[in-house]
Amino acid sequence: MERTIPSTASEEIELFQRTYYSLLRTTGEVQIRSLVESHMRVESALHARAADPEIDVDALVYTSLRLPACIVNVRLVTMSPSERAFEEVGGFANIKSWQSVAAPGRRRRALYDGDETLATFIASRADVDDLIPMLTAYQIEWNKIHDKLHDGPVLKQLQGCSSEAREFDQGLRFQVCRVLQLSPEDFDRIEAVWRERTVETLLAMGCRRKRLAVRLISGAYVDYRRAVREWWLNISHSILTPLDQRAVYFVSSNPHSLVNLLTGCPLRREEELIRFVEGGDDPSLLAEYRSILQEEVPSSRENFLYYVTKKLHTTSQGQQSLEECRAEMRSCGVTRVESRHHLDVEAQVIELCALRPEWSDPRIRVEGMEFLGDSDAVILNIDYPLGLAAYRILTEVSTGVGELRGLFVQGKAATLNGRVGDVMIPSVVHDEGSQNTFLFQNAFNAADITKYLVYGTVLDNQKSISVRGTFLQNREYMDVFYREGFTDIEMEAGPYLSAVYETIESERYPVNEIINLYPAPFDIGILHYASDTPFTRGKTLGCHLSYYGMDPTYACSIAIVRRILETEIAAVRDQARARSDWK
């Protein structure tokens, strides 16, 4: 594929990567401050104001959502694919006793020692390309706030809020906004992420400069392969019937939508869920429900119940309901496999023969579901991984199952021509890692999604680009691909298609070629829903109420489940006819 990327656009990105990879070869710590200059030269689309003295609220919110809350106290961030590698070096002998921590906007297994060290588990170079720029951006924005708050009267008032338990009132908020040169709206966005930790975080920023350091404990190719292998063995050992004897539909999505649709557990608990909404302490949830009742907003009853279920199950009063739902799911053939010591990628194995069609969401019911009782196929659904880990996972799965009958990928993406909540359906994917351009027949078109989407628009026949990291693009870089019609930016489709190539060819995937995957003997279905719009900064799915984020998620999930069920019903019928003809 011919394209002319301005030299400054690509060279600065590559220089930044070469800088941190060369530094990470050391067995010691690497100071983040040594990466600040090369990070600023990238002029990342996610950190466009990195070099400005003004606070880049978009970058601060983005990184705060994707780093665990303990990052406020952390000095050293360590990275490794496995606990074993941590235990083999000094200082991590008791790592299994460390506190498990998580970020709301990024799944990455992490352990915190309660003091100043964070241990993060990485599955591929993509995690490094994600984490290093994110830490750099966070430190830059932290130190901007420090420079504005340090030794000022507002800092003393914040200390009073903390030590004397005084209220963080509107007057003090106004003074904080004035000193930080932020609009009230921008500060509201920051406070929505930091929540009850707002005063604590501002105090930490005002009292000291951030001096983060990173250390790569282990990152050899074999270490990543071993981590994925152990993850797969954990799944294989959790299933009674070996998967190497089963036909498998592989789905990369999330841990809730497919099982909710196939088992319908929340739909049978509508009265309990509405009581929770009406009697709970979440006024925004109640307001949302009343707007739906009064038809002030378009809505999906089922999607709203799924959303409320997720809220309920995070509370103490919802634990009994959670256990009941899990028991019902097990009775429908759903085996949940957590990943406690490997990749942070939960898996579910769903036996199609054990489903109860009368319990399922009405939107996924297709003709002939009674034939599923004779099926030996399963759905393997995983919580979608990051970047190159997708390639390693699908490679492991495709060699460990009896037959791969379909690859279905559902995930978030940035859109250059749509709006947040839209669904993009690509038929061309360019992978920045391999420099390959993949052509394939997507199993879905706009009509498959539109009927289930309440708010957004469906754009099929799109061209997608799988990038190396969210911070590793700038405006010039994206402009080039936009001019060539690439409008869908994400990180997993290219790696998955590299693995597909190896299922149909006798060699490892090539580099810098146009690859035709039309001969693939199974469905390839890739659906992306827009979570942000880089050309209009600050527009992200996180800016909207979470219920609206369920809309594209479930529209895509319904289409995937219906496609799998229809395909498997046809396969069972064909097998039955073949047996009948043989007799």
Protein backbone atom coordinates (compact mmCIF):
# COMPACT_ATOMS: atom_id res chain seq x y z
CA MET A 1 0.00 0.00 0.00
CA GLU A 2 1.52 3.27 -1.09
CA ARG A 3 1.28 6.16 1.30
CA THR A 4 3.38 9.21 2.03
CA ILE A 5 3.70 9.86 5.73
CA PRO A 6 5.49 13.13 6.55
CA SER A 7 8.95 12.25 7.84
CA THR A 8 8.49 14.21 11.06
CA ALA A 9 5.21 12.39 11.75
CA SER A 10 6.64 8.88 11.61
CA GLU A 11 10.24 9.50 12.63
CA GLU A 12 9.37 11.12 15.96
CA ILE A 13 7.07 8.20 16.83
CA GLU A 14 9.76 5.67 15.94
CA LEU A 15 12.39 7.66 17.83
CA PHE A 16 10.21 7.65 20.94
CA GLN A 17 9.77 3.87 20.69
CA ARG A 18 13.48 3.25 20.09
CA THR A 19 14.30 5.45 23.06
CA TYR A 20 12.22 3.60 25.61
CA TYR A 21 13.00 0.12 24.27
CA SER A 22 16.74 0.81 24.36
CA LEU A 23 16.48 2.16 27.91
CA LEU A 24 14.37 -0.78 29.07
CA ARG A 25 17.20 -3.19 28.24
CA THR A 26 18.84 -2.19 31.51
CA THR A 27 18.33 -4.39 34.56
CA GLY A 28 17.81 -1.28 36.65
CA GLU A 29 15.19 1.44 36.76
CA VAL A 30 14.47 3.88 33.92
CA GLN A 31 13.35 7.35 34.96
CA ILE A 32 10.29 8.58 33.09
CA ARG A 33 11.80 12.07 32.96
CA SER A 34 14.31 10.73 30.42
CA LEU A 35 11.41 10.08 28.02
CA VAL A 36 9.58 13.39 28.41
CA GLU A 37 11.37 15.23 25.61
CA SER A 38 10.90 12.50 22.98
CA HIS A 39 7.27 12.05 24.11
CA MET A 40 6.60 15.75 23.55
CA ARG A 41 8.13 15.67 20.07
CA VAL A 42 5.64 13.02 18.99
CA GLU A 43 2.80 15.54 19.43
CA SER A 44 0.45 12.66 20.06
CA ALA A 45 -3.19 13.17 19.14
CA LEU A 46 -4.03 12.07 22.69
CA HIS A 47 -1.56 14.53 24.22
CA ALA A 48 -1.52 17.46 21.83
CA ARG A 49 -0.73 20.01 24.56
CA ALA A 50 2.05 18.03 26.20
CA ALA A 51 4.60 20.84 25.72
CA ASP A 52 2.24 23.64 26.77
CA PRO A 53 2.20 25.00 30.33
CA GLU A 54 -1.61 24.71 30.35
CA ILE A 55 -3.04 21.47 31.70
CA ASP A 56 -4.14 19.04 28.98
CA VAL A 57 -7.40 17.91 30.56
CA ASP A 58 -8.09 15.33 27.84
CA ALA A 59 -4.75 13.58 28.46
CA LEU A 60 -5.13 13.79 32.25
CA VAL A 61 -8.61 12.26 32.16
CA TYR A 62 -7.56 9.59 29.64
CA THR A 63 -4.56 8.44 31.68
CA SER A 64 -6.35 8.68 35.03
CA LEU A 65 -9.03 6.31 33.72
CA ARG A 66 -6.43 3.79 32.56
CA LEU A 67 -4.12 3.72 35.57
CA PRO A 68 -5.10 2.30 38.99
CA ALA A 69 -5.89 4.84 41.70
CA CYS A 70 -2.77 3.87 43.66
CA ILE A 71 -0.66 5.52 40.91
CA VAL A 72 -0.91 8.65 43.10
CA ASN A 73 1.48 6.98 45.57
CA VAL A 74 3.51 4.87 43.13
CA ARG A 75 7.13 5.67 42.31
CA LEU A 76 8.19 2.47 40.48
CA VAL A 77 6.17 0.59 37.85
CA THR A 78 7.53 -2.86 37.00
CA MET A 79 6.50 -4.98 34.03
CA SER A 80 6.64 -8.72 33.42
CA PRO A 81 4.57 -11.42 31.68
CA SER A 82 4.41 -13.68 34.76
CA GLU A 83 4.67 -13.96 38.52
CA ARG A 84 7.51 -16.41 38.04
CA ALA A 85 9.70 -13.76 36.47
CA PHE A 86 8.95 -11.36 39.33
CA GLU A 87 9.82 -13.99 41.93
CA GLU A 88 13.14 -14.78 40.25
CA VAL A 89 14.49 -11.27 40.86
CA GLY A 90 15.13 -9.59 44.17
CA GLY A 91 12.43 -7.65 45.99
CA PHE A 92 9.38 -9.55 44.73
CA ALA A 93 9.48 -12.78 46.75
CA ASN A 94 6.14 -12.02 48.45
CA ILE A 95 4.40 -10.60 45.38
CA LYS A 96 1.47 -13.03 45.71
CA SER A 97 0.48 -11.23 48.89
CA TRP A 98 0.36 -7.81 47.21
CA GLN A 99 -2.98 -6.05 46.72
CA SER A 100 -4.72 -6.60 43.40
CA VAL A 101 -5.59 -3.24 41.81
CA ALA A 102 -7.36 -2.25 38.61
CA ALA A 103 -8.15 0.76 36.45
CA PRO A 104 -11.69 1.53 35.25
CA GLY A 105 -10.65 2.08 31.63
CA ARG A 106 -7.94 -0.52 30.97
CA ARG A 107 -7.79 -4.20 31.85
CA ARG A 108 -4.28 -5.02 32.93
CA ARG A 109 -3.52 -7.27 35.86
CA ALA A 110 -1.58 -5.30 38.47
CA LEU A 111 -0.42 -5.81 42.06
CA TYR A 112 0.43 -3.02 44.51
CA ASP A 113 2.78 -3.44 47.47
CA GLY A 114 0.94 -0.79 49.50
CA ASP A 115 3.91 1.55 49.38
CA GLU A 116 5.48 2.81 46.15
CA THR A 117 5.78 -0.18 43.78
CA LEU A 118 3.25 -1.35 41.19
CA ALA A 119 3.78 -4.68 39.42
CA THR A 120 2.02 -4.88 36.06
CA PHE A 121 1.58 -7.98 33.91
CA ILE A 122 2.16 -7.55 30.20
CA ALA A 123 1.12 -9.90 27.41
CA SER A 124 3.09 -8.43 24.50
CA ARG A 125 5.02 -5.41 23.30
CA ALA A 126 1.66 -3.71 22.83
CA ASP A 127 1.36 -3.42 26.62
CA VAL A 128 4.73 -1.67 26.75
CA ASP A 129 3.70 0.65 23.88
CA ASP A 130 0.52 1.42 25.82
CA LEU A 131 1.92 1.78 29.33
CA ILE A 132 5.11 3.80 28.80
CA PRO A 133 3.50 6.75 26.90
CA MET A 134 0.60 6.71 29.35
CA LEU A 135 2.89 7.00 32.38
CA THR A 136 4.87 9.72 30.65
CA ALA A 137 1.75 11.73 29.85
CA TYR A 138 0.46 11.30 33.41
CA GLN A 139 3.71 12.54 34.93
CA ILE A 140 3.82 15.57 32.59
CA GLU A 141 0.30 16.63 33.56
CA TRP A 142 0.89 15.92 37.25
CA ASN A 143 3.92 18.20 37.28
CA LYS A 144 2.01 20.98 35.51
CA ILE A 145 -0.51 20.90 38.35
CA HIS A 146 2.31 20.81 40.89
CA ASP A 147 3.86 23.95 39.41
CA LYS A 148 0.54 25.79 39.73
CA LEU A 149 -0.41 24.60 43.24
CA HIS A 150 2.95 24.35 45.00
CA ASP A 151 3.31 26.64 48.04
CA GLY A 152 0.13 28.54 47.15
CA PRO A 153 -2.75 29.46 49.46
CA VAL A 154 -5.10 27.03 47.72
CA LEU A 155 -2.85 24.13 48.69
CA LYS A 156 -3.13 25.13 52.37
CA GLN A 157 -6.93 25.18 52.06
CA LEU A 158 -6.86 21.71 50.49
CA GLN A 159 -4.73 20.54 53.42
CA GLY A 160 -7.43 21.91 55.72
CA CYS A 161 -10.06 19.86 53.88
CA SER A 162 -7.98 16.75 54.46
CA SER A 163 -6.77 17.26 58.03
CA GLU A 164 -9.85 18.98 59.46
CA ALA A 165 -12.42 17.09 57.38
CA ARG A 166 -13.74 20.36 55.96
CA GLU A 167 -16.03 20.22 52.96
CA PHE A 168 -14.59 20.68 49.48
CA ASP A 169 -17.15 23.39 48.78
CA GLN A 170 -17.95 25.42 45.69
CA GLY A 171 -15.84 28.34 46.86
CA LEU A 172 -12.72 26.21 47.07
CA ARG A 173 -13.56 24.55 43.76
CA PHE A 174 -13.70 27.98 42.17
CA GLN A 175 -10.29 28.88 43.58
CA VAL A 176 -8.80 25.57 42.37
CA CYS A 177 -10.15 26.22 38.87
CA ARG A 178 -8.72 29.75 38.93
CA VAL A 179 -5.24 28.62 40.00
CA LEU A 180 -5.17 25.69 37.58
CA GLN A 181 -6.66 27.87 34.82
CA LEU A 182 -9.44 25.36 34.19
CA SER A 183 -13.05 25.95 33.30
CA PRO A 184 -15.64 24.55 35.76
CA GLU A 185 -16.66 22.07 33.05
CA ASP A 186 -13.10 20.77 32.69
CA PHE A 187 -12.71 20.42 36.44
CA ASP A 188 -16.01 18.52 36.57
CA ARG A 189 -14.56 16.04 34.07
CA ILE A 190 -11.48 15.52 36.23
CA GLU A 191 -13.55 15.17 39.41
CA ALA A 192 -15.81 12.63 37.70
CA VAL A 193 -12.74 10.39 37.31
CA TRP A 194 -11.04 11.02 40.67
CA ARG A 195 -14.37 11.07 42.57
CA GLU A 196 -13.85 10.92 46.36
CA ARG A 197 -10.07 10.98 45.85
CA THR A 198 -10.11 14.49 44.31
CA VAL A 199 -8.79 16.38 47.34
CA GLU A 200 -6.26 13.64 48.14
CA THR A 201 -4.97 13.64 44.56
CA LEU A 202 -4.72 17.43 44.31
CA LEU A 203 -2.86 17.49 47.63
CA ALA A 204 -0.37 14.88 46.44
CA MET A 205 0.17 16.79 43.20
CA GLY A 206 0.64 20.09 45.00
CA CYS A 207 3.06 18.76 47.62
CA ARG A 208 5.53 16.90 45.40
CA ARG A 209 6.65 16.50 41.84
CA LYS A 210 6.02 13.15 40.23
CA ARG A 211 9.19 11.17 39.54
CA LEU A 212 8.03 7.86 38.13
CA ALA A 213 10.43 5.11 37.16
CA VAL A 214 9.82 1.90 35.17
CA ARG A 215 11.58 -1.42 35.06
CA LEU A 216 11.11 -4.25 32.59
CA ILE A 217 11.67 -7.45 34.56
CA SER A 218 11.21 -9.80 31.61
CA GLY A 219 10.01 -9.26 28.08
CA ALA A 220 11.53 -11.96 25.90
CA TYR A 221 9.44 -13.46 23.11
CA VAL A 222 9.38 -16.84 24.85
CA ASP A 223 8.07 -15.23 28.06
CA TYR A 224 5.01 -13.90 26.23
CA ARG A 225 4.43 -17.28 24.58
CA ARG A 226 4.74 -19.06 27.93
CA ALA A 227 2.20 -16.72 29.55
CA VAL A 228 -0.36 -17.38 26.81
CA ARG A 229 0.34 -21.13 26.95
CA GLU A 230 -0.31 -21.21 30.71
CA TRP A 231 -3.49 -19.16 30.17
CA TRP A 232 -4.73 -21.72 27.63
CA LEU A 233 -3.85 -24.72 29.80
CA ASN A 234 -5.85 -23.14 32.63
CA ILE A 235 -8.90 -23.03 30.33
CA SER A 236 -8.36 -26.56 28.97
CA HIS A 237 -8.10 -28.02 32.47
CA SER A 238 -11.36 -26.32 33.48
CA ILE A 239 -13.46 -28.10 30.85
CA LEU A 240 -14.71 -31.68 31.24
CA THR A 241 -14.65 -32.49 27.52
CA PRO A 242 -11.29 -31.55 25.96
CA LEU A 243 -11.58 -28.68 23.51
CA ASP A 244 -9.23 -30.44 21.11
CA GLN A 245 -12.21 -32.65 20.27
CA ARG A 246 -14.73 -29.84 19.83
CA ALA A 247 -15.80 -27.38 17.17
CA VAL A 248 -15.30 -23.86 18.52
CA TYR A 249 -16.70 -20.44 17.68
CA PHE A 250 -14.12 -17.99 18.98
CA VAL A 251 -15.46 -14.63 20.19
CA SER A 252 -13.37 -11.72 21.46
CA SER A 253 -15.73 -9.33 23.24
CA ASN A 254 -16.51 -8.88 26.95
CA PRO A 255 -17.56 -11.14 29.85
CA HIS A 256 -21.20 -10.05 30.14
CA SER A 257 -23.09 -9.49 26.88
CA LEU A 258 -23.04 -12.97 25.32
CA VAL A 259 -24.02 -14.81 28.51
CA ASN A 260 -26.76 -12.29 29.29
CA LEU A 261 -28.25 -12.75 25.83
CA LEU A 262 -27.96 -16.54 25.80
CA THR A 263 -29.25 -17.17 29.33
CA GLY A 264 -31.53 -14.14 29.90
CA CYS A 265 -30.86 -14.12 33.67
CA PRO A 266 -31.45 -10.37 34.17
CA LEU A 267 -34.69 -10.45 32.17
CA ARG A 268 -36.23 -12.87 34.68
CA ARG A 269 -35.36 -10.50 37.54
CA GLU A 270 -36.98 -7.35 36.24
CA GLU A 271 -39.00 -6.64 39.40
CA GLU A 272 -35.94 -7.00 41.64
CA LEU A 273 -33.89 -4.75 39.36
CA ILE A 274 -36.53 -2.01 39.25
CA ARG A 275 -36.81 -2.10 43.07
CA PHE A 276 -33.05 -1.60 43.18
CA VAL A 277 -33.30 1.41 40.86
CA GLU A 278 -36.19 3.01 42.74
CA GLY A 279 -34.83 2.35 46.23
CA GLY A 280 -31.13 2.84 45.56
CA ASP A 281 -28.85 5.77 46.24
CA ASP A 282 -27.94 6.45 42.61
CA PRO A 283 -30.01 9.48 41.54
CA SER A 284 -28.58 9.45 38.01
CA LEU A 285 -29.75 5.86 37.51
CA LEU A 286 -33.24 6.70 38.78
CA ALA A 287 -33.41 9.78 36.53
CA GLU A 288 -32.35 7.66 33.60
CA TYR A 289 -35.07 5.09 34.35
CA ARG A 290 -37.76 7.77 34.64
CA SER A 291 -36.70 9.31 31.32
CA ILE A 292 -37.07 5.90 29.70
CA LEU A 293 -40.50 5.35 31.28
CA GLN A 294 -41.67 8.76 30.12
CA GLU A 295 -40.25 8.05 26.65
CA GLU A 296 -38.10 11.16 26.84
CA VAL A 297 -35.22 9.14 25.37
CA PRO A 298 -35.22 6.16 23.00
CA SER A 299 -34.38 3.00 24.86
CA SER A 300 -34.09 -0.76 24.96
CA ARG A 301 -35.77 -2.43 27.96
CA GLU A 302 -33.44 -5.42 27.79
CA ASN A 303 -30.27 -3.33 27.57
CA PHE A 304 -31.35 -1.21 30.53
CA LEU A 305 -31.95 -4.33 32.64
CA TYR A 306 -28.50 -5.65 31.71
CA TYR A 307 -27.00 -2.31 32.72
CA VAL A 308 -28.82 -2.28 36.08
CA THR A 309 -27.76 -5.88 36.72
CA LYS A 310 -24.13 -4.90 36.34
CA LYS A 311 -24.68 -2.09 38.87
CA LEU A 312 -26.55 -4.34 41.31
CA HIS A 313 -23.94 -7.08 41.26
CA THR A 314 -21.23 -4.67 42.42
CA THR A 315 -23.15 -3.98 45.68
CA SER A 316 -23.38 -6.09 48.84
CA GLN A 317 -27.14 -6.45 48.42
CA GLY A 318 -26.65 -7.87 44.96
CA GLN A 319 -24.37 -10.79 45.90
CA GLN A 320 -27.21 -13.29 46.27
CA SER A 321 -28.58 -12.28 42.86
CA LEU A 322 -25.07 -12.63 41.41
CA GLU A 323 -24.71 -16.19 42.75
CA GLU A 324 -28.18 -17.12 41.50
CA CYS A 325 -27.37 -15.82 38.02
CA ARG A 326 -24.07 -17.71 37.95
CA ALA A 327 -25.86 -20.91 38.97
CA GLU A 328 -28.44 -20.45 36.21
CA MET A 329 -25.67 -19.78 33.70
CA ARG A 330 -23.90 -22.98 34.72
CA SER A 331 -27.15 -24.87 34.18
CA CYS A 332 -27.17 -23.42 30.64
CA GLY A 333 -23.71 -24.81 29.91
CA VAL A 334 -21.67 -21.69 30.73
CA THR A 335 -18.29 -22.37 32.33
CA ARG A 336 -16.53 -19.24 33.54
CA VAL A 337 -12.73 -19.42 33.68
CA GLU A 338 -11.02 -16.63 35.58
CA SER A 339 -7.39 -15.82 34.89
CA ARG A 340 -5.82 -15.26 38.28
CA HIS A 341 -2.18 -15.97 37.54
CA HIS A 342 -1.83 -15.42 33.80
CA LEU A 343 -3.14 -12.88 31.30
CA ASP A 344 -5.93 -10.63 32.55
CA VAL A 345 -8.28 -12.22 30.02
CA GLU A 346 -11.35 -13.94 31.46
CA ALA A 347 -12.86 -16.72 29.34
CA GLN A 348 -16.24 -18.41 29.08
CA VAL A 349 -16.90 -21.75 27.44
CA ILE A 350 -20.55 -22.06 26.41
CA GLU A 351 -21.99 -25.47 25.46
CA LEU A 352 -24.55 -24.85 22.73
CA CYS A 353 -26.34 -28.14 23.43
CA ALA A 354 -27.11 -27.04 27.01
CA LEU A 355 -28.80 -23.73 26.16
CA ARG A 356 -32.44 -23.17 27.09
CA PRO A 357 -33.96 -21.23 24.17
CA GLU A 358 -37.01 -20.18 26.19
CA TRP A 359 -34.75 -18.32 28.62
CA SER A 360 -32.77 -16.41 26.02
CA ASP A 361 -33.16 -12.77 25.01
CA PRO A 362 -36.00 -12.63 22.42
CA ARG A 363 -33.73 -10.71 20.03
CA ILE A 364 -31.39 -13.68 19.51
CA ARG A 365 -34.01 -16.37 19.00
CA VAL A 366 -33.69 -17.85 15.53
CA GLU A 367 -35.56 -20.59 13.73
CA GLY A 368 -34.48 -24.12 14.58
CA MET A 369 -32.94 -23.57 18.02
CA GLU A 370 -34.33 -26.94 19.07
CA PHE A 371 -31.65 -28.55 16.86
CA LEU A 372 -28.91 -27.16 19.12
CA GLY A 373 -29.50 -30.07 21.50
CA ASP A 374 -27.60 -32.25 19.02
CA SER A 375 -24.65 -29.88 18.69
CA ASP A 376 -21.18 -30.68 20.00
CA ALA A 377 -19.89 -27.14 19.38
CA VAL A 378 -18.99 -24.54 21.96
CA ILE A 379 -18.54 -20.78 22.02
CA LEU A 380 -15.23 -19.69 23.49
CA ASN A 381 -15.75 -16.09 24.54
CA ILE A 382 -12.83 -14.07 25.90
CA ASP A 383 -12.52 -10.59 27.34
CA TYR A 384 -10.75 -8.88 24.45
CA PRO A 385 -6.99 -8.54 24.86
CA LEU A 386 -4.70 -5.67 23.93
CA GLY A 387 -2.79 -5.50 20.65
CA LEU A 388 -0.38 -8.28 19.79
CA ALA A 389 -1.70 -10.48 22.60
CA ALA A 390 -4.67 -11.12 20.28
CA TYR A 391 -2.35 -12.84 17.78
CA ARG A 392 -0.77 -15.04 20.43
CA ILE A 393 -4.12 -16.02 21.94
CA LEU A 394 -5.79 -16.96 18.66
CA THR A 395 -2.68 -18.87 17.55
CA GLU A 396 -2.82 -20.89 20.78
CA VAL A 397 -6.57 -21.45 20.52
CA SER A 398 -6.53 -22.48 16.86
CA THR A 399 -3.91 -25.16 17.58
CA GLY A 400 -5.71 -26.38 20.68
CA VAL A 401 -9.27 -26.93 19.42
CA GLY A 402 -10.75 -29.59 17.18
CA GLU A 403 -12.12 -27.17 14.58
CA LEU A 404 -12.32 -23.38 14.41
CA ARG A 405 -15.76 -22.56 12.98
CA GLY A 406 -15.69 -18.81 13.31
CA LEU A 407 -13.74 -15.76 14.48
CA PHE A 408 -15.86 -12.91 15.81
CA VAL A 409 -14.22 -9.76 17.16
CA GLN A 410 -16.14 -7.01 18.94
CA GLY A 411 -14.28 -4.07 20.44
CA LYS A 412 -13.86 -0.35 20.88
CA ALA A 413 -12.22 1.86 18.28
CA ALA A 414 -11.59 5.48 17.45
CA THR A 415 -13.46 6.83 14.45
CA LEU A 416 -12.33 9.57 12.10
CA ASN A 417 -15.64 9.97 10.26
CA GLY A 418 -18.33 8.86 12.70
CA ARG A 419 -19.62 9.73 16.13
CA VAL A 420 -19.26 8.11 19.54
CA GLY A 421 -21.62 5.11 19.68
CA ASP A 422 -21.52 4.39 15.94
CA VAL A 423 -20.64 0.88 14.75
CA MET A 424 -17.97 0.34 12.08
CA ILE A 425 -17.78 -2.84 9.99
CA PRO A 426 -14.43 -3.13 8.16
CA SER A 427 -13.64 -5.25 5.13
CA VAL A 428 -10.02 -4.03 4.89
CA VAL A 429 -7.58 -3.95 7.80
CA HIS A 430 -4.07 -2.52 7.69
CA ASP A 431 -1.83 -3.71 10.52
CA GLU A 432 0.92 -1.31 11.55
CA GLY A 433 2.80 -4.07 13.34
CA SER A 434 3.26 -6.35 10.33
CA GLN A 435 2.67 -3.65 7.69
CA ASN A 436 0.24 -6.08 6.04
CA THR A 437 -3.10 -5.10 4.53
CA PHE A 438 -5.76 -7.80 4.96
CA LEU A 439 -8.74 -8.17 2.62
CA PHE A 440 -11.57 -10.37 3.88
CA GLN A 441 -15.30 -11.02 3.64
CA ASN A 442 -16.82 -9.63 6.82
CA ALA A 443 -19.64 -11.87 8.02
CA PHE A 444 -21.74 -8.80 8.86
CA ASN A 445 -23.23 -5.84 7.05
CA ALA A 446 -25.12 -2.77 8.23
CA ALA A 447 -28.53 -4.47 8.12
CA ASP A 448 -27.37 -7.06 10.67
CA ILE A 449 -26.76 -4.35 13.28
CA THR A 450 -29.07 -1.44 12.49
CA LYS A 451 -32.27 -3.10 13.69
CA TYR A 452 -30.78 -3.53 17.19
CA LEU A 453 -29.02 -0.15 17.50
CA VAL A 454 -31.05 2.59 19.23
CA TYR A 455 -28.74 5.63 19.14
CA GLY A 456 -25.89 5.29 16.66
CA THR A 457 -25.29 4.73 12.97
CA VAL A 458 -23.82 1.62 11.35
CA LEU A 459 -21.05 2.14 8.79
CA ASP A 460 -20.08 -0.94 6.79
CA ASN A 461 -17.47 -1.33 4.03
CA GLN A 462 -15.01 0.55 6.22
CA LYS A 463 -11.21 0.40 6.27
CA SER A 464 -9.57 -0.19 9.63
CA ILE A 465 -6.02 0.36 10.84
CA SER A 466 -4.57 -1.59 13.77
CA VAL A 467 -2.07 0.67 15.50
CA ARG A 468 0.76 -0.15 17.90
CA GLY A 469 -0.45 2.05 20.75
CA THR A 470 -3.08 4.67 21.47
CA PHE A 471 -0.52 7.43 22.08
CA LEU A 472 1.62 6.50 19.06
CA GLN A 473 -0.23 8.56 16.46
CA ASN A 474 -0.30 12.27 15.76
CA ARG A 475 -2.52 14.47 13.63
CA GLU A 476 -0.27 14.30 10.56
CA TYR A 477 -0.02 10.53 10.82
CA MET A 478 -3.80 10.06 11.02
CA ASP A 479 -4.39 12.55 8.19
CA VAL A 480 -2.46 10.32 5.78
CA PHE A 481 -4.60 7.27 6.51
CA TYR A 482 -7.79 9.33 6.51
CA ARG A 483 -7.00 10.54 2.99
CA GLU A 484 -6.69 6.89 1.94
CA GLY A 485 -10.07 6.03 3.45
CA PHE A 486 -8.96 4.48 6.75
CA THR A 487 -11.43 5.73 9.34
CA ASP A 488 -11.47 3.01 12.00
CA ILE A 489 -8.50 2.96 14.45
CA GLU A 490 -8.01 0.13 16.94
CA MET A 491 -5.37 -2.39 18.07
CA GLU A 492 -6.60 -6.00 17.72
CA ALA A 493 -8.03 -6.74 14.26
CA GLY A 494 -4.65 -6.88 12.49
CA PRO A 495 -3.07 -9.26 15.03
CA TYR A 496 -6.14 -11.52 14.90
CA LEU A 497 -5.99 -11.64 11.10
CA SER A 498 -2.28 -12.48 11.23
CA ALA A 499 -3.29 -15.56 13.23
CA VAL A 500 -6.05 -16.36 10.71
CA TYR A 501 -3.46 -16.31 7.93
CA GLU A 502 -1.51 -19.03 9.74
CA THR A 503 -4.62 -21.23 9.98
CA ILE A 504 -5.00 -21.36 6.20
CA GLU A 505 -1.39 -21.11 4.95
CA SER A 506 1.71 -23.24 5.51
CA GLU A 507 3.92 -20.43 6.78
CA ARG A 508 4.10 -17.67 9.33
CA TYR A 509 2.38 -14.43 8.34
CA PRO A 510 4.52 -12.31 5.98
CA VAL A 511 5.45 -8.63 6.27
CA ASN A 512 4.37 -5.65 4.15
CA GLU A 513 2.07 -7.53 1.80
CA ILE A 514 -1.55 -7.38 0.67
CA ILE A 515 -3.14 -10.57 1.98
CA ASN A 516 -6.35 -12.11 0.69
CA LEU A 517 -8.27 -13.94 3.43
CA TYR A 518 -11.35 -14.65 1.33
CA PRO A 519 -10.43 -18.38 1.17
CA ALA A 520 -10.78 -18.72 4.97
CA PRO A 521 -13.04 -21.76 5.61
CA PHE A 522 -14.85 -20.10 8.51
CA ASP A 523 -16.68 -16.86 9.26
CA ILE A 524 -14.63 -13.75 10.04
CA GLY A 525 -16.79 -11.12 11.68
CA ILE A 526 -15.23 -7.89 12.98
CA LEU A 527 -17.37 -5.19 14.59
CA HIS A 528 -16.03 -2.00 16.19
CA TYR A 529 -18.04 0.56 18.11
CA ALA A 530 -16.73 4.09 18.32
CA SER A 531 -15.52 5.04 21.80
CA ASP A 532 -13.75 8.27 20.86
CA THR A 533 -13.17 10.70 18.01
CA PRO A 534 -9.53 11.88 17.82
CA PHE A 535 -10.30 14.71 15.40
CA THR A 536 -12.71 16.22 17.95
CA ARG A 537 -10.76 15.83 21.16
CA GLY A 538 -12.56 15.01 24.37
CA LYS A 539 -15.45 13.17 22.72
CA THR A 540 -15.32 9.72 24.28
CA LEU A 541 -17.78 7.05 25.32
CA GLY A 542 -16.86 7.91 28.90
CA CYS A 543 -18.50 11.32 28.42
CA HIS A 544 -21.88 9.61 28.11
CA LEU A 545 -23.97 7.77 30.67
CA SER A 546 -22.91 4.14 30.82
CA TYR A 547 -26.33 2.92 29.68
CA TYR A 548 -25.77 4.53 26.28
CA GLY A 549 -22.48 2.65 26.04
CA MET A 550 -24.47 -0.58 26.30
CA ASP A 551 -26.33 0.23 23.08
CA PRO A 552 -23.59 -0.52 20.51
CA THR A 553 -22.18 -3.30 22.70
CA TYR A 554 -25.43 -5.25 22.69
CA ALA A 555 -26.31 -4.46 19.07
CA CYS A 556 -22.99 -6.04 18.04
CA SER A 557 -23.37 -8.95 20.47
CA ILE A 558 -26.87 -9.78 19.19
CA ALA A 559 -25.60 -9.92 15.61
CA ILE A 560 -22.70 -12.19 16.62
CA VAL A 561 -24.87 -14.60 18.63
CA ARG A 562 -27.49 -14.82 15.87
CA ARG A 563 -24.79 -15.56 13.28
CA ILE A 564 -23.28 -18.32 15.44
CA LEU A 565 -26.65 -19.93 16.19
CA GLU A 566 -27.78 -19.85 12.55
CA THR A 567 -24.45 -21.31 11.40
CA GLU A 568 -24.50 -24.09 13.97
CA ILE A 569 -28.15 -24.98 13.36
CA ALA A 570 -27.36 -25.33 9.65
CA ALA A 571 -24.35 -27.52 10.48
CA VAL A 572 -26.42 -29.81 12.75
CA ARG A 573 -29.11 -30.13 10.10
CA ASP A 574 -26.51 -30.99 7.45
CA GLN A 575 -25.01 -33.66 9.72
CA ALA A 576 -28.46 -35.12 10.35
CA ARG A 577 -29.19 -35.26 6.60
CA ALA A 578 -25.81 -36.85 5.95
CA ARG A 579 -26.52 -39.58 8.52
CA SER A 580 -29.97 -40.14 7.06
CA ASP A 581 -28.58 -40.44 3.51
CA TRP A 582 -25.90 -42.88 4.68
CA LYS A 583 -28.52 -45.14 6.20
